[in-house]
PDB file of N, CA and C in Angstrom:
ATOM      1  N   MET A   1       0.841  -1.175   0.000  1.00  0.00           N
ATOM      2  CA  MET A   1       0.000   0.000   0.000  1.00  0.00           C
ATOM      3  C   MET A   1       0.887   1.240   0.000  1.00  0.00           C
ATOM      4  N   SER A   2       0.628   2.150  -0.890  1.00  0.00           N
ATOM      5  CA  SER A   2       1.404   3.376  -0.983  1.00  0.00           C
ATOM      6  C   SER A   2       0.772   4.452  -0.110  1.00  0.00           C
ATOM      7  N   ARG A   3       1.594   5.062   0.688  1.00  0.00           N
ATOM      8  CA  ARG A   3       1.138   6.172   1.511  1.00  0.00           C
ATOM      9  C   ARG A   3       1.851   7.415   0.984  1.00  0.00           C
ATOM     10  N   ASN A   4       1.121   8.403   0.599  1.00  0.00           N
ATOM     11  CA  ASN A   4       1.729   9.614   0.064  1.00  0.00           C
ATOM     12  C   ASN A   4       2.204  10.516   1.185  1.00  0.00           C
ATOM     13  N   ILE A   5       3.091   9.984   2.000  1.00  0.00           N
ATOM     14  CA  ILE A   5       3.645  10.709   3.138  1.00  0.00           C
ATOM     15  C   ILE A   5       5.154  10.745   2.965  1.00  0.00           C
ATOM     16  N   LYS A   6       5.690  11.955   2.867  1.00  0.00           N
ATOM     17  CA  LYS A   6       7.139  12.113   2.716  1.00  0.00           C
ATOM     18  C   LYS A   6       7.766  12.236   4.104  1.00  0.00           C
ATOM     19  N   ILE A   7       8.724  11.371   4.361  1.00  0.00           N
ATOM     20  CA  ILE A   7       9.432  11.381   5.632  1.00  0.00           C
ATOM     21  C   ILE A   7      10.878  11.752   5.363  1.00  0.00           C
ATOM     22  N   LEU A   8      11.392  12.694   6.122  1.00  0.00           N
ATOM     23  CA  LEU A   8      12.808  13.035   6.066  1.00  0.00           C
ATOM     24  C   LEU A   8      13.479  12.393   7.269  1.00  0.00           C
ATOM     25  N   LEU A   9      14.379  11.465   7.013  1.00  0.00           N
ATOM     26  CA  LEU A   9      15.160  10.817   8.053  1.00  0.00           C
ATOM     27  C   LEU A   9      16.489  11.542   8.176  1.00  0.00           C
ATOM     28  N   VAL A  10      16.819  11.975   9.385  1.00  0.00           N
ATOM     29  CA  VAL A  10      18.080  12.665   9.638  1.00  0.00           C
ATOM     30  C   VAL A  10      18.879  11.780  10.590  1.00  0.00           C
ATOM     31  N   GLU A  11      19.822  11.039  10.014  1.00  0.00           N
ATOM     32  CA  GLU A  11      20.587  10.016  10.743  1.00  0.00           C
ATOM     33  C   GLU A  11      21.965   9.902  10.107  1.00  0.00           C
ATOM     34  N   ASP A  12      23.008  10.055  10.916  1.00  0.00           N
ATOM     35  CA  ASP A  12      24.361  10.020  10.355  1.00  0.00           C
ATOM     36  C   ASP A  12      24.994   8.630  10.333  1.00  0.00           C
ATOM     37  N   GLU A  13      24.370   7.658  10.945  1.00  0.00           N
ATOM     38  CA  GLU A  13      24.893   6.290  10.889  1.00  0.00           C
ATOM     39  C   GLU A  13      24.281   5.613   9.662  1.00  0.00           C
ATOM     40  N   ALA A  14      25.111   5.413   8.644  1.00  0.00           N
ATOM     41  CA  ALA A  14      24.632   4.958   7.334  1.00  0.00           C
ATOM     42  C   ALA A  14      23.854   3.648   7.404  1.00  0.00           C
ATOM     43  N   LEU A  15      24.334   2.682   8.167  1.00  0.00           N
ATOM     44  CA  LEU A  15      23.642   1.392   8.237  1.00  0.00           C
ATOM     45  C   LEU A  15      22.266   1.524   8.875  1.00  0.00           C
ATOM     46  N   ILE A  16      22.167   2.328   9.908  1.00  0.00           N
ATOM     47  CA  ILE A  16      20.872   2.567  10.560  1.00  0.00           C
ATOM     48  C   ILE A  16      19.934   3.271   9.587  1.00  0.00           C
ATOM     49  N   ALA A  17      20.443   4.280   8.879  1.00  0.00           N
ATOM     50  CA  ALA A  17      19.615   5.023   7.928  1.00  0.00           C
ATOM     51  C   ALA A  17      19.131   4.112   6.808  1.00  0.00           C
ATOM     52  N   MET A  18      20.022   3.300   6.246  1.00  0.00           N
ATOM     53  CA  MET A  18      19.634   2.401   5.151  1.00  0.00           C
ATOM     54  C   MET A  18      18.583   1.399   5.610  1.00  0.00           C
ATOM     55  N   ASP A  19      18.765   0.843   6.798  1.00  0.00           N
ATOM     56  CA  ASP A  19      17.816  -0.138   7.321  1.00  0.00           C
ATOM     57  C   ASP A  19      16.444   0.501   7.544  1.00  0.00           C
ATOM     58  N   LEU A  20      16.415   1.662   8.147  1.00  0.00           N
ATOM     59  CA  LEU A  20      15.145   2.332   8.404  1.00  0.00           C
ATOM     60  C   LEU A  20      14.468   2.766   7.102  1.00  0.00           C
ATOM     61  N   MET A  21      15.219   3.257   6.148  1.00  0.00           N
ATOM     62  CA  MET A  21      14.642   3.650   4.862  1.00  0.00           C
ATOM     63  C   MET A  21      14.046   2.432   4.148  1.00  0.00           C
ATOM     64  N   ARG A  22      14.720   1.293   4.238  1.00  0.00           N
ATOM     65  CA  ARG A  22      14.214   0.055   3.633  1.00  0.00           C
ATOM     66  C   ARG A  22      12.888  -0.346   4.283  1.00  0.00           C
ATOM     67  N   LYS A  23      12.836  -0.274   5.613  1.00  0.00           N
ATOM     68  CA  LYS A  23      11.612  -0.641   6.334  1.00  0.00           C
ATOM     69  C   LYS A  23      10.476   0.331   6.035  1.00  0.00           C
ATOM     70  N   LEU A  24      10.784   1.607   5.936  1.00  0.00           N
ATOM     71  CA  LEU A  24       9.753   2.590   5.594  1.00  0.00           C
ATOM     72  C   LEU A  24       9.205   2.330   4.192  1.00  0.00           C
ATOM     73  N   ALA A  25      10.085   2.051   3.240  1.00  0.00           N
ATOM     74  CA  ALA A  25       9.649   1.773   1.869  1.00  0.00           C
ATOM     75  C   ALA A  25       8.790   0.517   1.822  1.00  0.00           C
ATOM     76  N   ARG A  26       9.204  -0.532   2.543  1.00  0.00           N
ATOM     77  CA  ARG A  26       8.417  -1.772   2.585  1.00  0.00           C
ATOM     78  C   ARG A  26       7.044  -1.545   3.202  1.00  0.00           C
ATOM     79  N   SER A  27       6.953  -0.567   4.095  1.00  0.00           N
ATOM     80  CA  SER A  27       5.683  -0.261   4.752  1.00  0.00           C
ATOM     81  C   SER A  27       4.843   0.721   3.940  1.00  0.00           C
ATOM     82  N   GLY A  28       5.343   1.106   2.774  1.00  0.00           N
ATOM     83  CA  GLY A  28       4.566   1.948   1.882  1.00  0.00           C
ATOM     84  C   GLY A  28       4.847   3.434   1.971  1.00  0.00           C
ATOM     85  N   TYR A  29       5.795   3.837   2.802  1.00  0.00           N
ATOM     86  CA  TYR A  29       6.131   5.257   2.907  1.00  0.00           C
ATOM     87  C   TYR A  29       7.149   5.580   1.820  1.00  0.00           C
ATOM     88  N   GLU A  30       6.647   5.846   0.626  1.00  0.00           N
ATOM     89  CA  GLU A  30       7.492   6.106  -0.528  1.00  0.00           C
ATOM     90  C   GLU A  30       7.806   7.588  -0.628  1.00  0.00           C
ATOM     91  N   GLY A  31       8.869   7.903  -1.326  1.00  0.00           N
ATOM     92  CA  GLY A  31       9.233   9.298  -1.515  1.00  0.00           C
ATOM     93  C   GLY A  31       9.956   9.887  -0.325  1.00  0.00           C
ATOM     94  N   SER A  32      10.384   9.041   0.593  1.00  0.00           N
ATOM     95  CA  SER A  32      11.120   9.516   1.758  1.00  0.00           C
ATOM     96  C   SER A  32      12.591   9.665   1.395  1.00  0.00           C
ATOM     97  N   SER A  33      13.302  10.486   2.159  1.00  0.00           N
ATOM     98  CA  SER A  33      14.722  10.683   1.907  1.00  0.00           C
ATOM     99  C   SER A  33      15.481  10.714   3.230  1.00  0.00           C
ATOM    100  N   ALA A  34      16.812  10.585   3.117  1.00  0.00           N
ATOM    101  CA  ALA A  34      17.665  10.565   4.303  1.00  0.00           C
ATOM    102  C   ALA A  34      18.850  11.494   4.101  1.00  0.00           C
ATOM    103  N   VAL A  35      19.224  12.176   5.174  1.00  0.00           N
ATOM    104  CA  VAL A  35      20.418  13.026   5.197  1.00  0.00           C
ATOM    105  C   VAL A  35      21.167  12.757   6.492  1.00  0.00           C
ATOM    106  N   ALA A  36      22.435  13.209   6.546  1.00  0.00           N
ATOM    107  CA  ALA A  36      23.283  12.885   7.689  1.00  0.00           C
ATOM    108  C   ALA A  36      23.625  14.067   8.584  1.00  0.00           C
ATOM    109  N   THR A  37      23.279  15.289   8.166  1.00  0.00           N
ATOM    110  CA  THR A  37      23.646  16.457   8.971  1.00  0.00           C
ATOM    111  C   THR A  37      22.434  17.352   9.228  1.00  0.00           C
ATOM    112  N   GLY A  38      22.549  18.160  10.251  1.00  0.00           N
ATOM    113  CA  GLY A  38      21.505  19.133  10.539  1.00  0.00           C
ATOM    114  C   GLY A  38      21.383  20.165   9.440  1.00  0.00           C
ATOM    115  N   GLU A  39      22.519  20.553   8.872  1.00  0.00           N
ATOM    116  CA  GLU A  39      22.520  21.530   7.791  1.00  0.00           C
ATOM    117  C   GLU A  39      21.758  20.992   6.574  1.00  0.00           C
ATOM    118  N   GLU A  40      22.010  19.731   6.225  1.00  0.00           N
ATOM    119  CA  GLU A  40      21.284  19.109   5.111  1.00  0.00           C
ATOM    120  C   GLU A  40      19.789  19.012   5.431  1.00  0.00           C
ATOM    121  N   ALA A  41      19.468  18.717   6.677  1.00  0.00           N
ATOM    122  CA  ALA A  41      18.066  18.613   7.082  1.00  0.00           C
ATOM    123  C   ALA A  41      17.339  19.930   6.844  1.00  0.00           C
ATOM    124  N   LEU A  42      17.962  21.052   7.210  1.00  0.00           N
ATOM    125  CA  LEU A  42      17.346  22.364   6.991  1.00  0.00           C
ATOM    126  C   LEU A  42      17.099  22.612   5.509  1.00  0.00           C
ATOM    127  N   SER A  43      18.081  22.306   4.691  1.00  0.00           N
ATOM    128  CA  SER A  43      17.974  22.534   3.258  1.00  0.00           C
ATOM    129  C   SER A  43      16.899  21.657   2.619  1.00  0.00           C
ATOM    130  N   VAL A  44      16.917  20.358   2.926  1.00  0.00           N
ATOM    131  CA  VAL A  44      15.947  19.432   2.336  1.00  0.00           C
ATOM    132  C   VAL A  44      14.540  19.738   2.836  1.00  0.00           C
ATOM    133  N   GLU A  45      14.404  20.057   4.099  1.00  0.00           N
ATOM    134  CA  GLU A  45      13.075  20.388   4.639  1.00  0.00           C
ATOM    135  C   GLU A  45      12.511  21.602   3.924  1.00  0.00           C
ATOM    136  N   GLU A  46      13.342  22.595   3.673  1.00  0.00           N
ATOM    137  CA  GLU A  46      12.875  23.817   3.016  1.00  0.00           C
ATOM    138  C   GLU A  46      12.473  23.563   1.563  1.00  0.00           C
ATOM    139  N   SER A  47      13.199  22.691   0.878  1.00  0.00           N
ATOM    140  CA  SER A  47      12.897  22.470  -0.540  1.00  0.00           C
ATOM    141  C   SER A  47      11.841  21.393  -0.778  1.00  0.00           C
ATOM    142  N   GLU A  48      11.793  20.360   0.070  1.00  0.00           N
ATOM    143  CA  GLU A  48      10.888  19.228  -0.169  1.00  0.00           C
ATOM    144  C   GLU A  48       9.632  19.237   0.700  1.00  0.00           C
ATOM    145  N   HIS A  49       9.630  20.004   1.764  1.00  0.00           N
ATOM    146  CA  HIS A  49       8.482  20.087   2.682  1.00  0.00           C
ATOM    147  C   HIS A  49       7.952  18.706   3.072  1.00  0.00           C
ATOM    148  N   PRO A  50       8.776  17.895   3.748  1.00  0.00           N
ATOM    149  CA  PRO A  50       8.300  16.569   4.160  1.00  0.00           C
ATOM    150  C   PRO A  50       7.140  16.682   5.143  1.00  0.00           C
ATOM    151  N   ASP A  51       6.384  15.596   5.223  1.00  0.00           N
ATOM    152  CA  ASP A  51       5.240  15.551   6.135  1.00  0.00           C
ATOM    153  C   ASP A  51       5.650  15.239   7.564  1.00  0.00           C
ATOM    154  N   LEU A  52       6.851  14.657   7.730  1.00  0.00           N
ATOM    155  CA  LEU A  52       7.321  14.247   9.051  1.00  0.00           C
ATOM    156  C   LEU A  52       8.832  14.122   9.017  1.00  0.00           C
ATOM    157  N   LEU A  53       9.475  14.425  10.135  1.00  0.00           N
ATOM    158  CA  LEU A  53      10.918  14.232  10.274  1.00  0.00           C
ATOM    159  C   LEU A  53      11.190  13.209  11.357  1.00  0.00           C
ATOM    160  N   ILE A  54      12.148  12.342  11.103  1.00  0.00           N
ATOM    161  CA  ILE A  54      12.694  11.455  12.129  1.00  0.00           C
ATOM    162  C   ILE A  54      14.119  11.932  12.325  1.00  0.00           C
ATOM    163  N   MET A  55      14.415  12.474  13.514  1.00  0.00           N
ATOM    164  CA  MET A  55      15.654  13.204  13.745  1.00  0.00           C
ATOM    165  C   MET A  55      16.467  12.596  14.879  1.00  0.00           C
ATOM    166  N   ASP A  56      17.687  12.171  14.555  1.00  0.00           N
ATOM    167  CA  ASP A  56      18.637  11.742  15.582  1.00  0.00           C
ATOM    168  C   ASP A  56      19.190  13.001  16.238  1.00  0.00           C
ATOM    169  N   ASN A  57      19.619  12.901  17.487  1.00  0.00           N
ATOM    170  CA  ASN A  57      20.155  14.107  18.126  1.00  0.00           C
ATOM    171  C   ASN A  57      21.636  14.312  17.847  1.00  0.00           C
ATOM    172  N   ARG A  58      22.399  13.255  17.689  1.00  0.00           N
ATOM    173  CA  ARG A  58      23.831  13.379  17.387  1.00  0.00           C
ATOM    174  C   ARG A  58      24.012  13.139  15.896  1.00  0.00           C
ATOM    175  N   LEU A  59      24.557  14.140  15.206  1.00  0.00           N
ATOM    176  CA  LEU A  59      24.677  14.072  13.754  1.00  0.00           C
ATOM    177  C   LEU A  59      26.086  14.437  13.315  1.00  0.00           C
ATOM    178  N   ALA A  60      26.398  14.097  12.079  1.00  0.00           N
ATOM    179  CA  ALA A  60      27.630  14.590  11.464  1.00  0.00           C
ATOM    180  C   ALA A  60      27.440  16.091  11.240  1.00  0.00           C
ATOM    181  N   GLY A  61      28.518  16.810  11.044  1.00  0.00           N
ATOM    182  CA  GLY A  61      28.408  18.249  10.791  1.00  0.00           C
ATOM    183  C   GLY A  61      28.422  19.048  12.074  1.00  0.00           C
ATOM    184  N   GLU A  62      28.236  20.331  11.936  1.00  0.00           N
ATOM    185  CA  GLU A  62      28.325  21.259  13.069  1.00  0.00           C
ATOM    186  C   GLU A  62      27.057  21.327  13.908  1.00  0.00           C
ATOM    187  N   MET A  63      25.907  21.089  13.300  1.00  0.00           N
ATOM    188  CA  MET A  63      24.627  21.279  13.979  1.00  0.00           C
ATOM    189  C   MET A  63      24.073  19.952  14.478  1.00  0.00           C
ATOM    190  N   ASP A  64      23.678  19.911  15.744  1.00  0.00           N
ATOM    191  CA  ASP A  64      23.067  18.679  16.252  1.00  0.00           C
ATOM    192  C   ASP A  64      21.592  18.611  15.860  1.00  0.00           C
ATOM    193  N   GLY A  65      20.992  17.476  16.100  1.00  0.00           N
ATOM    194  CA  GLY A  65      19.610  17.255  15.710  1.00  0.00           C
ATOM    195  C   GLY A  65      18.626  18.145  16.443  1.00  0.00           C
ATOM    196  N   PHE A  66      18.906  18.453  17.702  1.00  0.00           N
ATOM    197  CA  PHE A  66      17.997  19.318  18.450  1.00  0.00           C
ATOM    198  C   PHE A  66      17.971  20.727  17.862  1.00  0.00           C
ATOM    199  N   GLU A  67      19.131  21.241  17.501  1.00  0.00           N
ATOM    200  CA  GLU A  67      19.183  22.582  16.907  1.00  0.00           C
ATOM    201  C   GLU A  67      18.491  22.591  15.545  1.00  0.00           C
ATOM    202  N   ALA A  68      18.743  21.576  14.739  1.00  0.00           N
ATOM    203  CA  ALA A  68      18.080  21.492  13.431  1.00  0.00           C
ATOM    204  C   ALA A  68      16.562  21.399  13.615  1.00  0.00           C
ATOM    205  N   ALA A  69      16.114  20.572  14.538  1.00  0.00           N
ATOM    206  CA  ALA A  69      14.676  20.426  14.791  1.00  0.00           C
ATOM    207  C   ALA A  69      14.072  21.738  15.285  1.00  0.00           C
ATOM    208  N   ARG A  70      14.790  22.430  16.150  1.00  0.00           N
ATOM    209  CA  ARG A  70      14.314  23.723  16.680  1.00  0.00           C
ATOM    210  C   ARG A  70      14.141  24.728  15.539  1.00  0.00           C
ATOM    211  N   ARG A  71      15.122  24.803  14.652  1.00  0.00           N
ATOM    212  CA  ARG A  71      15.037  25.758  13.535  1.00  0.00           C
ATOM    213  C   ARG A  71      13.900  25.396  12.581  1.00  0.00           C
ATOM    214  N   ILE A  72      13.762  24.116  12.300  1.00  0.00           N
ATOM    215  CA  ILE A  72      12.679  23.676  11.412  1.00  0.00           C
ATOM    216  C   ILE A  72      11.330  23.951  12.059  1.00  0.00           C
ATOM    217  N   HIS A  73      11.208  23.655  13.348  1.00  0.00           N
ATOM    218  CA  HIS A  73       9.949  23.865  14.070  1.00  0.00           C
ATOM    219  C   HIS A  73       9.540  25.342  14.056  1.00  0.00           C
ATOM    220  N   ARG A  74      10.514  26.239  14.124  1.00  0.00           N
ATOM    221  CA  ARG A  74      10.217  27.680  14.080  1.00  0.00           C
ATOM    222  C   ARG A  74       9.670  28.088  12.715  1.00  0.00           C
ATOM    223  N   ARG A  75      10.137  27.449  11.658  1.00  0.00           N
ATOM    224  CA  ARG A  75       9.697  27.797  10.295  1.00  0.00           C
ATOM    225  C   ARG A  75       8.337  27.216   9.962  1.00  0.00           C
ATOM    226  N   ARG A  76       8.111  25.977  10.436  1.00  0.00           N
ATOM    227  CA  ARG A  76       6.917  25.254   9.998  1.00  0.00           C
ATOM    228  C   ARG A  76       6.573  24.197  11.033  1.00  0.00           C
ATOM    229  N   ALA A  77       5.308  24.018  11.279  1.00  0.00           N
ATOM    230  CA  ALA A  77       4.843  23.048  12.281  1.00  0.00           C
ATOM    231  C   ALA A  77       4.779  21.654  11.670  1.00  0.00           C
ATOM    232  N   VAL A  78       5.924  21.077  11.410  1.00  0.00           N
ATOM    233  CA  VAL A  78       6.006  19.717  10.879  1.00  0.00           C
ATOM    234  C   VAL A  78       6.223  18.762  12.057  1.00  0.00           C
ATOM    235  N   PRO A  79       5.531  17.631  12.084  1.00  0.00           N
ATOM    236  CA  PRO A  79       5.753  16.671  13.175  1.00  0.00           C
ATOM    237  C   PRO A  79       7.191  16.135  13.146  1.00  0.00           C
ATOM    238  N   ILE A  80       7.776  16.039  14.330  1.00  0.00           N
ATOM    239  CA  ILE A  80       9.153  15.564  14.460  1.00  0.00           C
ATOM    240  C   ILE A  80       9.192  14.433  15.473  1.00  0.00           C
ATOM    241  N   ILE A  81       9.830  13.358  15.094  1.00  0.00           N
ATOM    242  CA  ILE A  81      10.095  12.241  16.002  1.00  0.00           C
ATOM    243  C   ILE A  81      11.585  12.280  16.317  1.00  0.00           C
ATOM    244  N   LEU A  82      11.915  12.363  17.597  1.00  0.00           N
ATOM    245  CA  LEU A  82      13.314  12.403  18.020  1.00  0.00           C
ATOM    246  C   LEU A  82      13.793  10.999  18.366  1.00  0.00           C
ATOM    247  N   VAL A  83      15.041  10.725  17.988  1.00  0.00           N
ATOM    248  CA  VAL A  83      15.668   9.438  18.257  1.00  0.00           C
ATOM    249  C   VAL A  83      17.037   9.720  18.871  1.00  0.00           C
ATOM    250  N   SER A  84      17.378   8.960  19.900  1.00  0.00           N
ATOM    251  CA  SER A  84      18.671   9.177  20.542  1.00  0.00           C
ATOM    252  C   SER A  84      19.199   7.897  21.170  1.00  0.00           C
ATOM    253  N   GLY A  85      20.483   7.787  21.179  1.00  0.00           N
ATOM    254  CA  GLY A  85      21.133   6.716  21.909  1.00  0.00           C
ATOM    255  C   GLY A  85      21.417   7.135  23.353  1.00  0.00           C
ATOM    256  N   TYR A  86      21.026   8.348  23.690  1.00  0.00           N
ATOM    257  CA  TYR A  86      21.286   8.911  25.014  1.00  0.00           C
ATOM    258  C   TYR A  86      19.980   9.128  25.761  1.00  0.00           C
ATOM    259  N   ASP A  87      20.078   9.356  27.047  1.00  0.00           N
ATOM    260  CA  ASP A  87      18.907   9.550  27.900  1.00  0.00           C
ATOM    261  C   ASP A  87      18.258  10.899  27.593  1.00  0.00           C
ATOM    262  N   PHE A  88      16.987  10.895  27.280  1.00  0.00           N
ATOM    263  CA  PHE A  88      16.272  12.123  26.943  1.00  0.00           C
ATOM    264  C   PHE A  88      16.134  13.060  28.141  1.00  0.00           C
ATOM    265  N   ASP A  89      16.236  12.547  29.355  1.00  0.00           N
ATOM    266  CA  ASP A  89      16.135  13.411  30.537  1.00  0.00           C
ATOM    267  C   ASP A  89      17.196  14.507  30.517  1.00  0.00           C
ATOM    268  N   ASP A  90      18.354  14.204  29.909  1.00  0.00           N
ATOM    269  CA  ASP A  90      19.431  15.189  29.829  1.00  0.00           C
ATOM    270  C   ASP A  90      19.104  16.329  28.871  1.00  0.00           C
ATOM    271  N   TYR A  91      18.087  16.148  28.048  1.00  0.00           N
ATOM    272  CA  TYR A  91      17.755  17.124  27.015  1.00  0.00           C
ATOM    273  C   TYR A  91      16.347  17.699  27.177  1.00  0.00           C
ATOM    274  N   ALA A  92      15.800  17.647  28.369  1.00  0.00           N
ATOM    275  CA  ALA A  92      14.413  18.071  28.598  1.00  0.00           C
ATOM    276  C   ALA A  92      14.114  19.482  28.094  1.00  0.00           C
ATOM    277  N   PRO A  93      14.962  20.495  28.344  1.00  0.00           N
ATOM    278  CA  PRO A  93      14.645  21.837  27.840  1.00  0.00           C
ATOM    279  C   PRO A  93      14.584  21.894  26.308  1.00  0.00           C
ATOM    280  N   ALA A  94      15.505  21.236  25.635  1.00  0.00           N
ATOM    281  CA  ALA A  94      15.508  21.230  24.167  1.00  0.00           C
ATOM    282  C   ALA A  94      14.274  20.514  23.629  1.00  0.00           C
ATOM    283  N   ILE A  95      13.917  19.419  24.251  1.00  0.00           N
ATOM    284  CA  ILE A  95      12.751  18.653  23.814  1.00  0.00           C
ATOM    285  C   ILE A  95      11.474  19.467  24.013  1.00  0.00           C
ATOM    286  N   ALA A  96      11.372  20.167  25.120  1.00  0.00           N
ATOM    287  CA  ALA A  96      10.181  20.977  25.396  1.00  0.00           C
ATOM    288  C   ALA A  96       9.999  22.065  24.344  1.00  0.00           C
ATOM    289  N   GLU A  97      11.085  22.599  23.835  1.00  0.00           N
ATOM    290  CA  GLU A  97      11.009  23.651  22.821  1.00  0.00           C
ATOM    291  C   GLU A  97      10.591  23.103  21.454  1.00  0.00           C
ATOM    292  N   ILE A  98      10.911  21.848  21.184  1.00  0.00           N
ATOM    293  CA  ILE A  98      10.632  21.230  19.882  1.00  0.00           C
ATOM    294  C   ILE A  98       9.213  20.667  19.805  1.00  0.00           C
ATOM    295  N   HIS A  99       8.657  20.249  20.928  1.00  0.00           N
ATOM    296  CA  HIS A  99       7.330  19.623  20.958  1.00  0.00           C
ATOM    297  C   HIS A  99       7.254  18.410  20.025  1.00  0.00           C
ATOM    298  N   PRO A 100       8.094  17.398  20.241  1.00  0.00           N
ATOM    299  CA  PRO A 100       8.104  16.255  19.321  1.00  0.00           C
ATOM    300  C   PRO A 100       6.829  15.419  19.402  1.00  0.00           C
ATOM    301  N   LEU A 101       6.551  14.755  18.308  1.00  0.00           N
ATOM    302  CA  LEU A 101       5.439  13.812  18.245  1.00  0.00           C
ATOM    303  C   LEU A 101       5.739  12.612  19.139  1.00  0.00           C
ATOM    304  N   ALA A 102       7.009  12.215  19.180  1.00  0.00           N
ATOM    305  CA  ALA A 102       7.450  11.088  20.015  1.00  0.00           C
ATOM    306  C   ALA A 102       8.961  11.159  20.184  1.00  0.00           C
ATOM    307  N   CYS A 103       9.451  10.472  21.212  1.00  0.00           N
ATOM    308  CA  CYS A 103      10.881  10.333  21.454  1.00  0.00           C
ATOM    309  C   CYS A 103      11.184   8.845  21.597  1.00  0.00           C
ATOM    310  N   PHE A 104      12.189   8.371  20.882  1.00  0.00           N
ATOM    311  CA  PHE A 104      12.574   6.963  20.929  1.00  0.00           C
ATOM    312  C   PHE A 104      14.045   6.824  21.278  1.00  0.00           C
ATOM    313  N   GLN A 105      14.331   5.866  22.147  1.00  0.00           N
ATOM    314  CA  GLN A 105      15.709   5.484  22.444  1.00  0.00           C
ATOM    315  C   GLN A 105      16.176   4.498  21.384  1.00  0.00           C
ATOM    316  N   LYS A 106      17.447   4.589  21.024  1.00  0.00           N
ATOM    317  CA  LYS A 106      18.043   3.591  20.130  1.00  0.00           C
ATOM    318  C   LYS A 106      18.362   2.353  20.948  1.00  0.00           C
ATOM    319  N   PRO A 107      18.265   1.188  20.395  1.00  0.00           N
ATOM    320  CA  PRO A 107      17.887   0.922  19.015  1.00  0.00           C
ATOM    321  C   PRO A 107      16.382   1.113  18.830  1.00  0.00           C
ATOM    322  N   LEU A 108      16.036   1.746  17.726  1.00  0.00           N
ATOM    323  CA  LEU A 108      14.650   2.050  17.399  1.00  0.00           C
ATOM    324  C   LEU A 108      13.907   0.775  17.033  1.00  0.00           C
ATOM    325  N   LYS A 109      12.792   0.550  17.686  1.00  0.00           N
ATOM    326  CA  LYS A 109      11.940  -0.606  17.374  1.00  0.00           C
ATOM    327  C   LYS A 109      10.930  -0.148  16.323  1.00  0.00           C
ATOM    328  N   PHE A 110      11.024  -0.742  15.136  1.00  0.00           N
ATOM    329  CA  PHE A 110      10.212  -0.271  14.019  1.00  0.00           C
ATOM    330  C   PHE A 110       8.721  -0.423  14.277  1.00  0.00           C
ATOM    331  N   ASP A 111       8.311  -1.462  14.983  1.00  0.00           N
ATOM    332  CA  ASP A 111       6.875  -1.630  15.255  1.00  0.00           C
ATOM    333  C   ASP A 111       6.338  -0.483  16.105  1.00  0.00           C
ATOM    334  N   GLU A 112       7.140   0.041  17.020  1.00  0.00           N
ATOM    335  CA  GLU A 112       6.721   1.189  17.831  1.00  0.00           C
ATOM    336  C   GLU A 112       6.625   2.446  16.964  1.00  0.00           C
ATOM    337  N   LEU A 113       7.583   2.606  16.060  1.00  0.00           N
ATOM    338  CA  LEU A 113       7.545   3.735  15.138  1.00  0.00           C
ATOM    339  C   LEU A 113       6.300   3.656  14.251  1.00  0.00           C
ATOM    340  N   GLN A 114       5.984   2.470  13.772  1.00  0.00           N
ATOM    341  CA  GLN A 114       4.803   2.284  12.919  1.00  0.00           C
ATOM    342  C   GLN A 114       3.523   2.698  13.638  1.00  0.00           C
ATOM    343  N   LYS A 115       3.422   2.406  14.921  1.00  0.00           N
ATOM    344  CA  LYS A 115       2.240   2.796  15.689  1.00  0.00           C
ATOM    345  C   LYS A 115       2.093   4.325  15.728  1.00  0.00           C
ATOM    346  N   ILE A 116       3.198   5.014  15.922  1.00  0.00           N
ATOM    347  CA  ILE A 116       3.169   6.473  15.944  1.00  0.00           C
ATOM    348  C   ILE A 116       2.790   7.021  14.566  1.00  0.00           C
ATOM    349  N   LEU A 117       3.378   6.451  13.519  1.00  0.00           N
ATOM    350  CA  LEU A 117       3.077   6.895  12.161  1.00  0.00           C
ATOM    351  C   LEU A 117       1.611   6.648  11.818  1.00  0.00           C
ATOM    352  N   ALA A 118       1.097   5.485  12.204  1.00  0.00           N
ATOM    353  CA  ALA A 118      -0.309   5.155  11.926  1.00  0.00           C
ATOM    354  C   ALA A 118      -1.238   6.123  12.657  1.00  0.00           C
ATOM    355  N   GLY A 119      -0.885   6.512  13.865  1.00  0.00           N
ATOM    356  CA  GLY A 119      -1.699   7.464  14.615  1.00  0.00           C
ATOM    357  C   GLY A 119      -1.632   8.873  14.035  1.00  0.00           C
ATOM    358  N   ALA A 120      -0.452   9.254  13.529  1.00  0.00           N
ATOM    359  CA  ALA A 120      -0.282  10.598  12.974  1.00  0.00           C
ATOM    360  C   ALA A 120      -0.879  10.719  11.580  1.00  0.00           C
ATOM    361  N   PHE A 121      -0.853   9.599  10.827  1.00  0.00           N
ATOM    362  CA  PHE A 121      -1.322   9.602   9.440  1.00  0.00           C
ATOM    363  C   PHE A 121      -2.248   8.399   9.209  1.00  0.00           C
ATOM    364  N   PRO A 122      -3.440   8.429   9.797  1.00  0.00           N
ATOM    365  CA  PRO A 122      -4.353   7.298   9.613  1.00  0.00           C
ATOM    366  C   PRO A 122      -4.779   7.163   8.150  1.00  0.00           C
ATOM    367  N   ASP A 123      -5.045   5.935   7.748  1.00  0.00           N
ATOM    368  CA  ASP A 123      -5.459   5.684   6.355  1.00  0.00           C
ATOM    369  C   ASP A 123      -6.779   6.332   6.038  1.00  0.00           C
TER     370      ASP A 123
END
């Protein structure tokens, strides 16, 4: 089943990004893209206007995921799912400013992500 929902994945670990993109495509989320830096996320979000972002907090490049998410959130109210290998309690002020749809600890369980996506974008 094709879902016309564009997802921007912002993840600097190539194997994790490839695996998640494969699972999203298999689940029908076509037209999604992946980038590895916060700077790329800002550029792609501005040009492609994805319906949802999945954002890691630690990224390649100068800008972390929280800063990229904060800047994107200021421009446009796009749903953002935060992913981290670290404890979110350490980032409570940043998370409160972003208002994420969900926060997931790595390793990301795809079935949990699917539940959030299904709730945000019901058929």
